[in-house]
C-alpha atoms as a PDB file:
ATOM      1  CA  UNK A   1       0.075  -0.104   0.090  1.00  0.00           C
ATOM      2  CA  UNK A   2       1.323   3.453  -1.059  1.00  0.00           C
ATOM      3  CA  UNK A   3       1.435   6.232   1.729  1.00  0.00           C
ATOM      4  CA  UNK A   4      -0.879   9.169   1.662  1.00  0.00           C
ATOM      5  CA  UNK A   5       1.198  11.990   0.185  1.00  0.00           C
ATOM      6  CA  UNK A   6      -0.175  13.974   2.742  1.00  0.00           C
ATOM      7  CA  UNK A   7       0.499  11.720   5.617  1.00  0.00           C
ATOM      8  CA  UNK A   8       2.505  14.612   7.351  1.00  0.00           C
ATOM      9  CA  UNK A   9      -0.809  16.690   7.674  1.00  0.00           C
ATOM     10  CA  UNK A  10      -2.484  13.646   9.563  1.00  0.00           C
ATOM     11  CA  UNK A  11       0.585  13.487  11.839  1.00  0.00           C
ATOM     12  CA  UNK A  12       0.920  17.291  12.445  1.00  0.00           C
ATOM     13  CA  UNK A  13      -2.789  17.167  13.574  1.00  0.00           C
ATOM     14  CA  UNK A  14      -2.474  14.219  15.485  1.00  0.00           C
ATOM     15  CA  UNK A  15      -5.091  12.211  13.340  1.00  0.00           C
ATOM     16  CA  UNK A  16      -7.638  14.575  15.041  1.00  0.00           C
ATOM     17  CA  UNK A  17     -10.344  16.882  13.532  1.00  0.00           C
ATOM     18  CA  UNK A  18      -9.291  20.388  13.753  1.00  0.00           C
ATOM     19  CA  UNK A  19     -12.836  21.550  13.760  1.00  0.00           C
ATOM     20  CA  UNK A  20     -14.572  19.200  16.565  1.00  0.00           C
ATOM     21  CA  UNK A  21     -11.636  17.535  18.142  1.00  0.00           C
ATOM     22  CA  UNK A  22     -12.782  13.886  17.427  1.00  0.00           C
ATOM     23  CA  UNK A  23      -9.849  11.517  17.001  1.00  0.00           C
ATOM     24  CA  UNK A  24      -9.584   8.556  14.909  1.00  0.00           C
ATOM     25  CA  UNK A  25      -6.662   7.085  16.776  1.00  0.00           C
ATOM     26  CA  UNK A  26      -8.407   5.008  19.388  1.00  0.00           C
ATOM     27  CA  UNK A  27      -9.048   1.781  17.353  1.00  0.00           C
ATOM     28  CA  UNK A  28      -9.530   0.826  13.979  1.00  0.00           C
ATOM     29  CA  UNK A  29     -13.363   0.645  13.993  1.00  0.00           C
ATOM     30  CA  UNK A  30     -13.471   4.314  15.258  1.00  0.00           C
ATOM     31  CA  UNK A  31     -10.983   5.248  12.504  1.00  0.00           C
ATOM     32  CA  UNK A  32     -13.419   3.823  10.042  1.00  0.00           C
ATOM     33  CA  UNK A  33     -16.620   5.456  11.552  1.00  0.00           C
ATOM     34  CA  UNK A  34     -14.728   8.911  11.559  1.00  0.00           C
ATOM     35  CA  UNK A  35     -13.365   8.593   8.012  1.00  0.00           C
ATOM     36  CA  UNK A  36     -10.594  11.263   8.773  1.00  0.00           C
ATOM     37  CA  UNK A  37     -10.029  13.393   5.686  1.00  0.00           C
ATOM     38  CA  UNK A  38      -7.861  16.439   4.599  1.00  0.00           C
ATOM     39  CA  UNK A  39      -9.867  19.605   4.164  1.00  0.00           C
ATOM     40  CA  UNK A  40      -9.196  22.859   2.740  1.00  0.00           C
ATOM     41  CA  UNK A  41      -9.746  25.758   5.388  1.00  0.00           C
ATOM     42  CA  UNK A  42     -10.264  28.184   2.662  1.00  0.00           C
ATOM     43  CA  UNK A  43     -11.949  25.915  -0.034  1.00  0.00           C
ATOM     44  CA  UNK A  44     -10.270  25.904  -3.528  1.00  0.00           C
ATOM     45  CA  UNK A  45     -13.470  27.020  -5.126  1.00  0.00           C
ATOM     46  CA  UNK A  46     -12.781  30.293  -3.197  1.00  0.00           C
ATOM     47  CA  UNK A  47      -8.966  30.631  -3.990  1.00  0.00           C
ATOM     48  CA  UNK A  48      -7.780  28.255  -1.114  1.00  0.00           C
ATOM     49  CA  UNK A  49      -4.279  26.686  -1.869  1.00  0.00           C
ATOM     50  CA  UNK A  50      -2.816  23.375  -1.599  1.00  0.00           C
ATOM     51  CA  UNK A  51      -0.081  24.829   1.067  1.00  0.00           C
ATOM     52  CA  UNK A  52       0.145  22.830   4.094  1.00  0.00           C
ATOM     53  CA  UNK A  53      -1.227  25.998   5.896  1.00  0.00           C
ATOM     54  CA  UNK A  54      -4.500  25.622   4.215  1.00  0.00           C
ATOM     55  CA  UNK A  55      -4.917  21.950   4.911  1.00  0.00           C
ATOM     56  CA  UNK A  56      -6.314  20.318   8.090  1.00  0.00           C
ATOM     57  CA  UNK A  57      -7.539  17.072   9.178  1.00  0.00           C
ATOM     58  CA  UNK A  58     -11.324  16.805   9.500  1.00  0.00           C
ATOM     59  CA  UNK A  59     -13.843  14.175  10.309  1.00  0.00           C
ATOM     60  CA  UNK A  60     -16.365  13.046   7.627  1.00  0.00           C
ATOM     61  CA  UNK A  61     -19.190  15.012   9.593  1.00  0.00           C
ATOM     62  CA  UNK A  62     -17.390  18.354   9.973  1.00  0.00           C
ATOM     63  CA  UNK A  63     -16.181  18.012   6.194  1.00  0.00           C
ATOM     64  CA  UNK A  64     -19.444  17.404   4.938  1.00  0.00           C
ATOM     65  CA  UNK A  65     -21.214  20.042   7.024  1.00  0.00           C
ATOM     66  CA  UNK A  66     -18.801  22.749   6.110  1.00  0.00           C
ATOM     67  CA  UNK A  67     -18.958  21.772   2.382  1.00  0.00           C
ATOM     68  CA  UNK A  68     -17.424  24.522   0.026  1.00  0.00           C
ATOM     69  CA  UNK A  69     -18.925  27.620   2.392  1.00  0.00           C
ATOM     70  CA  UNK A  70     -16.553  30.435   1.779  1.00  0.00           C
ATOM     71  CA  UNK A  71     -14.478  30.633   4.769  1.00  0.00           C
ATOM     72  CA  UNK A  72     -11.266  32.498   6.019  1.00  0.00           C
ATOM     73  CA  UNK A  73     -10.261  30.625   9.074  1.00  0.00           C
ATOM     74  CA  UNK A  74     -10.520  27.575  11.204  1.00  0.00           C
ATOM     75  CA  UNK A  75     -12.334  29.739  13.495  1.00  0.00           C
ATOM     76  CA  UNK A  76     -14.829  30.687  10.715  1.00  0.00           C
ATOM     77  CA  UNK A  77     -15.034  27.117   9.522  1.00  0.00           C
ATOM     78  CA  UNK A  78     -15.841  25.926  13.095  1.00  0.00           C
ATOM     79  CA  UNK A  79     -18.852  28.858  13.309  1.00  0.00           C
ATOM     80  CA  UNK A  80     -20.339  27.321  10.008  1.00  0.00           C
ATOM     81  CA  UNK A  81     -20.003  23.798  11.162  1.00  0.00           C
ATOM     82  CA  UNK A  82     -21.714  24.628  14.503  1.00  0.00           C
ATOM     83  CA  UNK A  83     -24.646  26.464  12.688  1.00  0.00           C
ATOM     84  CA  UNK A  84     -25.166  23.515  10.328  1.00  0.00           C
ATOM     85  CA  UNK A  85     -25.000  21.022  13.092  1.00  0.00           C
ATOM     86  CA  UNK A  86     -27.562  22.908  15.240  1.00  0.00           C
ATOM     87  CA  UNK A  87     -29.757  23.155  12.285  1.00  0.00           C
ATOM     88  CA  UNK A  88     -29.497  19.559  11.293  1.00  0.00           C
ATOM     89  CA  UNK A  89     -30.100  18.640  14.976  1.00  0.00           C
ATOM     90  CA  UNK A  90     -33.325  20.511  14.920  1.00  0.00           C
ATOM     91  CA  UNK A  91     -34.613  18.755  11.919  1.00  0.00           C
ATOM     92  CA  UNK A  92     -33.406  15.341  13.199  1.00  0.00           C
ATOM     93  CA  UNK A  93     -35.390  15.893  16.491  1.00  0.00           C
ATOM     94  CA  UNK A  94     -38.439  17.232  14.757  1.00  0.00           C
ATOM     95  CA  UNK A  95     -38.702  14.765  12.032  1.00  0.00           C
ATOM     96  CA  UNK A  96     -36.784  11.707  12.806  1.00  0.00           C
ATOM     97  CA  UNK A  97     -37.117  11.586  16.635  1.00  0.00           C
ATOM     98  CA  UNK A  98     -40.464  13.749  16.160  1.00  0.00           C
ATOM     99  CA  UNK A  99     -39.683  15.618  19.473  1.00  0.00           C
ATOM    100  CA  UNK A 100     -41.471  19.025  19.982  1.00  0.00           C
ATOM    101  CA  UNK A 101     -39.082  22.047  20.188  1.00  0.00           C
END
């Protein structure tokens, strides 16, 4: 198996999502569930680069929630993720669990 060319990013970030702090290093099954990825802090669509300073480890959920929103920093990314997570939680509780607000 060939090593990931961005292995150093995973190691730099200690195999931990820079947005929510989830770590995939506890065991193999947890690692699969989290599906850690490399994310662009500033998406390429909005001029983000491939420089290491613009790359962070992100869990699948945070990466999915952030999407290609226009962002300028990790803090800005965290705000976007928190807003979308709260919106999804409300939807989930109202329509999946059918709990009133």
